[in-house]
Amino acid sequence: ELPIITTIVREVDPAAFVIVSEAR
């Protein structure tokens, strides 16, 4: 589902700051 999230952020706010981390 991660590509869906990044696509949404890029479409709404291309200047947003996104941090992705691994959840154990």
PDB file of all heavy atoms in Angstrom:
ATOM      1  N   GLU A   1       0.816  -1.215   0.000  1.00  0.00           N
ATOM      2  CA  GLU A   1       0.000   0.000   0.000  1.00  0.00           C
ATOM      3  C   GLU A   1       0.851   1.267   0.000  1.00  0.00           C
ATOM      4  O   GLU A   1       0.319   2.372  -0.187  1.00  0.00           O
ATOM      5  CB  GLU A   1      -0.920   0.021   1.228  1.00  0.00           C
ATOM      6  CG  GLU A   1      -1.951  -1.088   1.237  1.00  0.00           C
ATOM      7  CD  GLU A   1      -2.707  -1.173   2.548  1.00  0.00           C
ATOM      8  OE1 GLU A   1      -2.104  -0.879   3.600  1.00  0.00           O
ATOM      9  OE2 GLU A   1      -3.898  -1.549   2.519  1.00  0.00           O
ATOM     10  N   LEU A   2       2.146   1.127   0.189  1.00  0.00           N
ATOM     11  CA  LEU A   2       3.019   2.295   0.278  1.00  0.00           C
ATOM     12  C   LEU A   2       3.002   3.146  -0.990  1.00  0.00           C
ATOM     13  O   LEU A   2       2.947   4.386  -0.898  1.00  0.00           O
ATOM     14  CB  LEU A   2       4.445   1.845   0.611  1.00  0.00           C
ATOM     15  CG  LEU A   2       5.456   2.956   0.890  1.00  0.00           C
ATOM     16  CD1 LEU A   2       4.985   3.834   2.052  1.00  0.00           C
ATOM     17  CD2 LEU A   2       6.822   2.355   1.198  1.00  0.00           C
ATOM     18  N   PRO A   3       3.024   2.567  -2.197  1.00  0.00           N
ATOM     19  CA  PRO A   3       2.948   3.421  -3.399  1.00  0.00           C
ATOM     20  C   PRO A   3       1.672   4.248  -3.462  1.00  0.00           C
ATOM     21  O   PRO A   3       1.691   5.370  -3.995  1.00  0.00           O
ATOM     22  CB  PRO A   3       3.018   2.404  -4.554  1.00  0.00           C
ATOM     23  CG  PRO A   3       3.694   1.217  -3.977  1.00  0.00           C
ATOM     24  CD  PRO A   3       3.254   1.150  -2.551  1.00  0.00           C
ATOM     25  N   ILE A   4       0.568   3.712  -2.940  1.00  0.00           N
ATOM     26  CA  ILE A   4      -0.684   4.479  -2.933  1.00  0.00           C
ATOM     27  C   ILE A   4      -0.527   5.713  -2.052  1.00  0.00           C
ATOM     28  O   ILE A   4      -0.969   6.821  -2.409  1.00  0.00           O
ATOM     29  CB  ILE A   4      -1.853   3.597  -2.437  1.00  0.00           C
ATOM     30  CG1 ILE A   4      -2.010   2.366  -3.327  1.00  0.00           C
ATOM     31  CG2 ILE A   4      -3.150   4.386  -2.381  1.00  0.00           C
ATOM     32  CD1 ILE A   4      -3.061   1.390  -2.825  1.00  0.00           C
ATOM     33  N   ILE A   5       0.106   5.536  -0.880  1.00  0.00           N
ATOM     34  CA  ILE A   5       0.292   6.653   0.042  1.00  0.00           C
ATOM     35  C   ILE A   5       1.167   7.725  -0.594  1.00  0.00           C
ATOM     36  O   ILE A   5       0.853   8.934  -0.545  1.00  0.00           O
ATOM     37  CB  ILE A   5       0.927   6.166   1.361  1.00  0.00           C
ATOM     38  CG1 ILE A   5       0.049   5.091   2.018  1.00  0.00           C
ATOM     39  CG2 ILE A   5       1.158   7.335   2.307  1.00  0.00           C
ATOM     40  CD1 ILE A   5      -1.311   5.568   2.419  1.00  0.00           C
ATOM     41  N   THR A   6       2.270   7.341  -1.194  1.00  0.00           N
ATOM     42  CA  THR A   6       3.173   8.331  -1.795  1.00  0.00           C
ATOM     43  C   THR A   6       2.511   9.040  -2.973  1.00  0.00           C
ATOM     44  O   THR A   6       2.750  10.242  -3.195  1.00  0.00           O
ATOM     45  CB  THR A   6       4.473   7.658  -2.252  1.00  0.00           C
ATOM     46  OG1 THR A   6       4.162   6.554  -3.136  1.00  0.00           O
ATOM     47  CG2 THR A   6       5.252   7.122  -1.054  1.00  0.00           C
ATOM     48  N   THR A   7       1.670   8.341  -3.715  1.00  0.00           N
ATOM     49  CA  THR A   7       0.947   8.973  -4.829  1.00  0.00           C
ATOM     50  C   THR A   7      -0.024  10.026  -4.308  1.00  0.00           C
ATOM     51  O   THR A   7      -0.123  11.131  -4.861  1.00  0.00           O
ATOM     52  CB  THR A   7       0.190   7.921  -5.645  1.00  0.00           C
ATOM     53  OG1 THR A   7       1.110   6.975  -6.182  1.00  0.00           O
ATOM     54  CG2 THR A   7      -0.589   8.574  -6.784  1.00  0.00           C
ATOM     55  N   ILE A   8      -0.740   9.693  -3.234  1.00  0.00           N
ATOM     56  CA  ILE A   8      -1.678  10.652  -2.639  1.00  0.00           C
ATOM     57  C   ILE A   8      -0.943  11.900  -2.180  1.00  0.00           C
ATOM     58  O   ILE A   8      -1.371  13.036  -2.443  1.00  0.00           O
ATOM     59  CB  ILE A   8      -2.432   9.992  -1.461  1.00  0.00           C
ATOM     60  CG1 ILE A   8      -3.387   8.915  -1.980  1.00  0.00           C
ATOM     61  CG2 ILE A   8      -3.193  11.037  -0.651  1.00  0.00           C
ATOM     62  CD1 ILE A   8      -4.026   8.096  -0.873  1.00  0.00           C
ATOM     63  N   VAL A   9       0.175  11.708  -1.485  1.00  0.00           N
ATOM     64  CA  VAL A   9       0.931  12.858  -0.973  1.00  0.00           C
ATOM     65  C   VAL A   9       1.445  13.707  -2.128  1.00  0.00           C
ATOM     66  O   VAL A   9       1.374  14.952  -2.086  1.00  0.00           O
ATOM     67  CB  VAL A   9       2.094  12.379  -0.089  1.00  0.00           C
ATOM     68  CG1 VAL A   9       2.947  13.563   0.352  1.00  0.00           C
ATOM     69  CG2 VAL A   9       1.561  11.639   1.130  1.00  0.00           C
ATOM     70  N   ARG A  10       1.952  13.079  -3.157  1.00  0.00           N
ATOM     71  CA  ARG A  10       2.486  13.837  -4.296  1.00  0.00           C
ATOM     72  C   ARG A  10       1.395  14.647  -4.989  1.00  0.00           C
ATOM     73  O   ARG A  10       1.622  15.785  -5.420  1.00  0.00           O
ATOM     74  CB  ARG A  10       3.140  12.874  -5.294  1.00  0.00           C
ATOM     75  CG  ARG A  10       3.827  13.587  -6.455  1.00  0.00           C
ATOM     76  CD  ARG A  10       4.576  12.626  -7.362  1.00  0.00           C
ATOM     77  NE  ARG A  10       3.661  11.658  -7.976  1.00  0.00           N
ATOM     78  CZ  ARG A  10       3.619  10.359  -7.662  1.00  0.00           C
ATOM     79  NH1 ARG A  10       4.440   9.883  -6.723  1.00  0.00           N
ATOM     80  NH2 ARG A  10       2.787   9.550  -8.274  1.00  0.00           N
ATOM     81  N   GLU A  11       0.194  14.065  -5.089  1.00  0.00           N
ATOM     82  CA  GLU A  11      -0.896  14.773  -5.753  1.00  0.00           C
ATOM     83  C   GLU A  11      -1.429  15.936  -4.918  1.00  0.00           C
ATOM     84  O   GLU A  11      -1.786  16.991  -5.457  1.00  0.00           O
ATOM     85  CB  GLU A  11      -2.039  13.800  -6.061  1.00  0.00           C
ATOM     86  CG  GLU A  11      -1.688  12.771  -7.135  1.00  0.00           C
ATOM     87  CD  GLU A  11      -2.808  11.758  -7.343  1.00  0.00           C
ATOM     88  OE1 GLU A  11      -3.778  11.791  -6.549  1.00  0.00           O
ATOM     89  OE2 GLU A  11      -2.725  10.959  -8.290  1.00  0.00           O
ATOM     90  N   VAL A  12      -1.490  15.759  -3.598  1.00  0.00           N
ATOM     91  CA  VAL A  12      -2.063  16.802  -2.737  1.00  0.00           C
ATOM     92  C   VAL A  12      -1.037  17.873  -2.401  1.00  0.00           C
ATOM     93  O   VAL A  12      -1.322  19.076  -2.459  1.00  0.00           O
ATOM     94  CB  VAL A  12      -2.634  16.173  -1.445  1.00  0.00           C
ATOM     95  CG1 VAL A  12      -3.154  17.256  -0.497  1.00  0.00           C
ATOM     96  CG2 VAL A  12      -3.750  15.189  -1.775  1.00  0.00           C
ATOM     97  N   ASP A  13       0.164  17.463  -2.021  1.00  0.00           N
ATOM     98  CA  ASP A  13       1.191  18.420  -1.600  1.00  0.00           C
ATOM     99  C   ASP A  13       2.565  17.913  -2.028  1.00  0.00           C
ATOM    100  O   ASP A  13       3.240  17.182  -1.280  1.00  0.00           O
ATOM    101  CB  ASP A  13       1.136  18.612  -0.081  1.00  0.00           C
ATOM    102  CG  ASP A  13       2.146  19.651   0.395  1.00  0.00           C
ATOM    103  OD1 ASP A  13       2.753  20.328  -0.455  1.00  0.00           O
ATOM    104  OD2 ASP A  13       2.330  19.777   1.626  1.00  0.00           O
ATOM    105  N   PRO A  14       3.005  18.290  -3.215  1.00  0.00           N
ATOM    106  CA  PRO A  14       4.309  17.819  -3.701  1.00  0.00           C
ATOM    107  C   PRO A  14       5.482  18.261  -2.829  1.00  0.00           C
ATOM    108  O   PRO A  14       6.561  17.666  -2.900  1.00  0.00           O
ATOM    109  CB  PRO A  14       4.410  18.448  -5.100  1.00  0.00           C
ATOM    110  CG  PRO A  14       3.004  18.790  -5.478  1.00  0.00           C
ATOM    111  CD  PRO A  14       2.311  19.134  -4.209  1.00  0.00           C
ATOM    112  N   ALA A  15       5.282  19.299  -2.008  1.00  0.00           N
ATOM    113  CA  ALA A  15       6.362  19.789  -1.149  1.00  0.00           C
ATOM    114  C   ALA A  15       6.364  19.118   0.220  1.00  0.00           C
ATOM    115  O   ALA A  15       7.148  19.507   1.095  1.00  0.00           O
ATOM    116  CB  ALA A  15       6.239  21.306  -0.981  1.00  0.00           C
ATOM    117  N   ALA A  16       5.517  18.121   0.429  1.00  0.00           N
ATOM    118  CA  ALA A  16       5.435  17.458   1.733  1.00  0.00           C
ATOM    119  C   ALA A  16       6.714  16.679   2.022  1.00  0.00           C
ATOM    120  O   ALA A  16       7.465  16.304   1.111  1.00  0.00           O
ATOM    121  CB  ALA A  16       4.228  16.526   1.770  1.00  0.00           C
ATOM    122  N   PHE A  17       6.944  16.441   3.310  1.00  0.00           N
ATOM    123  CA  PHE A  17       8.106  15.673   3.771  1.00  0.00           C
ATOM    124  C   PHE A  17       7.592  14.334   4.301  1.00  0.00           C
ATOM    125  O   PHE A  17       6.731  14.305   5.193  1.00  0.00           O
ATOM    126  CB  PHE A  17       8.826  16.450   4.873  1.00  0.00           C
ATOM    127  CG  PHE A  17      10.183  15.904   5.213  1.00  0.00           C
ATOM    128  CD1 PHE A  17      11.252  16.060   4.351  1.00  0.00           C
ATOM    129  CD2 PHE A  17      10.385  15.213   6.395  1.00  0.00           C
ATOM    130  CE1 PHE A  17      12.499  15.569   4.668  1.00  0.00           C
ATOM    131  CE2 PHE A  17      11.625  14.709   6.719  1.00  0.00           C
ATOM    132  CZ  PHE A  17      12.691  14.888   5.855  1.00  0.00           C
ATOM    133  N   VAL A  18       8.098  13.229   3.761  1.00  0.00           N
ATOM    134  CA  VAL A  18       7.587  11.891   4.092  1.00  0.00           C
ATOM    135  C   VAL A  18       8.720  11.046   4.653  1.00  0.00           C
ATOM    136  O   VAL A  18       9.805  10.982   4.075  1.00  0.00           O
ATOM    137  CB  VAL A  18       6.978  11.194   2.851  1.00  0.00           C
ATOM    138  CG1 VAL A  18       6.443   9.811   3.220  1.00  0.00           C
ATOM    139  CG2 VAL A  18       5.863  12.050   2.255  1.00  0.00           C
ATOM    140  N   ILE A  19       8.441  10.401   5.763  1.00  0.00           N
ATOM    141  CA  ILE A  19       9.400   9.486   6.389  1.00  0.00           C
ATOM    142  C   ILE A  19       8.757   8.110   6.442  1.00  0.00           C
ATOM    143  O   ILE A  19       7.639   7.958   6.956  1.00  0.00           O
ATOM    144  CB  ILE A  19       9.775   9.931   7.816  1.00  0.00           C
ATOM    145  CG1 ILE A  19      10.350  11.344   7.793  1.00  0.00           C
ATOM    146  CG2 ILE A  19      10.766   8.957   8.447  1.00  0.00           C
ATOM    147  CD1 ILE A  19      10.573  11.929   9.174  1.00  0.00           C
ATOM    148  N   VAL A  20       9.447   7.108   5.938  1.00  0.00           N
ATOM    149  CA  VAL A  20       8.947   5.731   5.940  1.00  0.00           C
ATOM    150  C   VAL A  20       9.912   4.879   6.757  1.00  0.00           C
ATOM    151  O   VAL A  20      11.115   4.877   6.497  1.00  0.00           O
ATOM    152  CB  VAL A  20       8.822   5.163   4.512  1.00  0.00           C
ATOM    153  CG1 VAL A  20       8.287   3.734   4.562  1.00  0.00           C
ATOM    154  CG2 VAL A  20       7.920   6.049   3.663  1.00  0.00           C
ATOM    155  N   SER A  21       9.386   4.170   7.749  1.00  0.00           N
ATOM    156  CA  SER A  21      10.215   3.298   8.575  1.00  0.00           C
ATOM    157  C   SER A  21       9.582   1.921   8.662  1.00  0.00           C
ATOM    158  O   SER A  21       8.374   1.761   8.443  1.00  0.00           O
ATOM    159  CB  SER A  21      10.390   3.882   9.988  1.00  0.00           C
ATOM    160  OG  SER A  21       9.143   3.965  10.648  1.00  0.00           O
ATOM    161  N   GLU A  22      10.410   0.943   8.975  1.00  0.00           N
ATOM    162  CA  GLU A  22       9.927  -0.432   9.109  1.00  0.00           C
ATOM    163  C   GLU A  22       9.306  -0.626  10.481  1.00  0.00           C
ATOM    164  O   GLU A  22       9.900  -0.261  11.499  1.00  0.00           O
ATOM    165  CB  GLU A  22      11.080  -1.414   8.913  1.00  0.00           C
ATOM    166  CG  GLU A  22      10.654  -2.878   8.995  1.00  0.00           C
ATOM    167  CD  GLU A  22      11.818  -3.819   8.774  1.00  0.00           C
ATOM    168  OE1 GLU A  22      12.910  -3.338   8.427  1.00  0.00           O
ATOM    169  OE2 GLU A  22      11.627  -5.038   8.946  1.00  0.00           O
ATOM    170  N   ALA A  23       8.115  -1.184  10.528  1.00  0.00           N
ATOM    171  CA  ALA A  23       7.438  -1.490  11.787  1.00  0.00           C
ATOM    172  C   ALA A  23       7.653  -2.966  12.098  1.00  0.00           C
ATOM    173  O   ALA A  23       7.335  -3.833  11.283  1.00  0.00           O
ATOM    174  CB  ALA A  23       5.943  -1.189  11.694  1.00  0.00           C
ATOM    175  N   ARG A  24       8.215  -3.252  13.261  1.00  0.00           N
ATOM    176  CA  ARG A  24       8.491  -4.644  13.615  1.00  0.00           C
ATOM    177  C   ARG A  24       7.210  -5.455  13.760  1.00  0.00           C
ATOM    178  O   ARG A  24       7.141  -6.605  13.360  1.00  0.00           O
ATOM    179  CB  ARG A  24       9.273  -4.688  14.931  1.00  0.00           C
ATOM    180  CG  ARG A  24      10.566  -3.926  14.911  1.00  0.00           C
ATOM    181  CD  ARG A  24      11.570  -4.517  13.973  1.00  0.00           C
ATOM    182  NE  ARG A  24      12.019  -5.830  14.394  1.00  0.00           N
ATOM    183  CZ  ARG A  24      12.882  -6.573  13.706  1.00  0.00           C
ATOM    184  NH1 ARG A  24      13.352  -6.140  12.557  1.00  0.00           N
ATOM    185  NH2 ARG A  24      13.254  -7.742  14.153  1.00  0.00           N
TER     186      ARG A  24
END
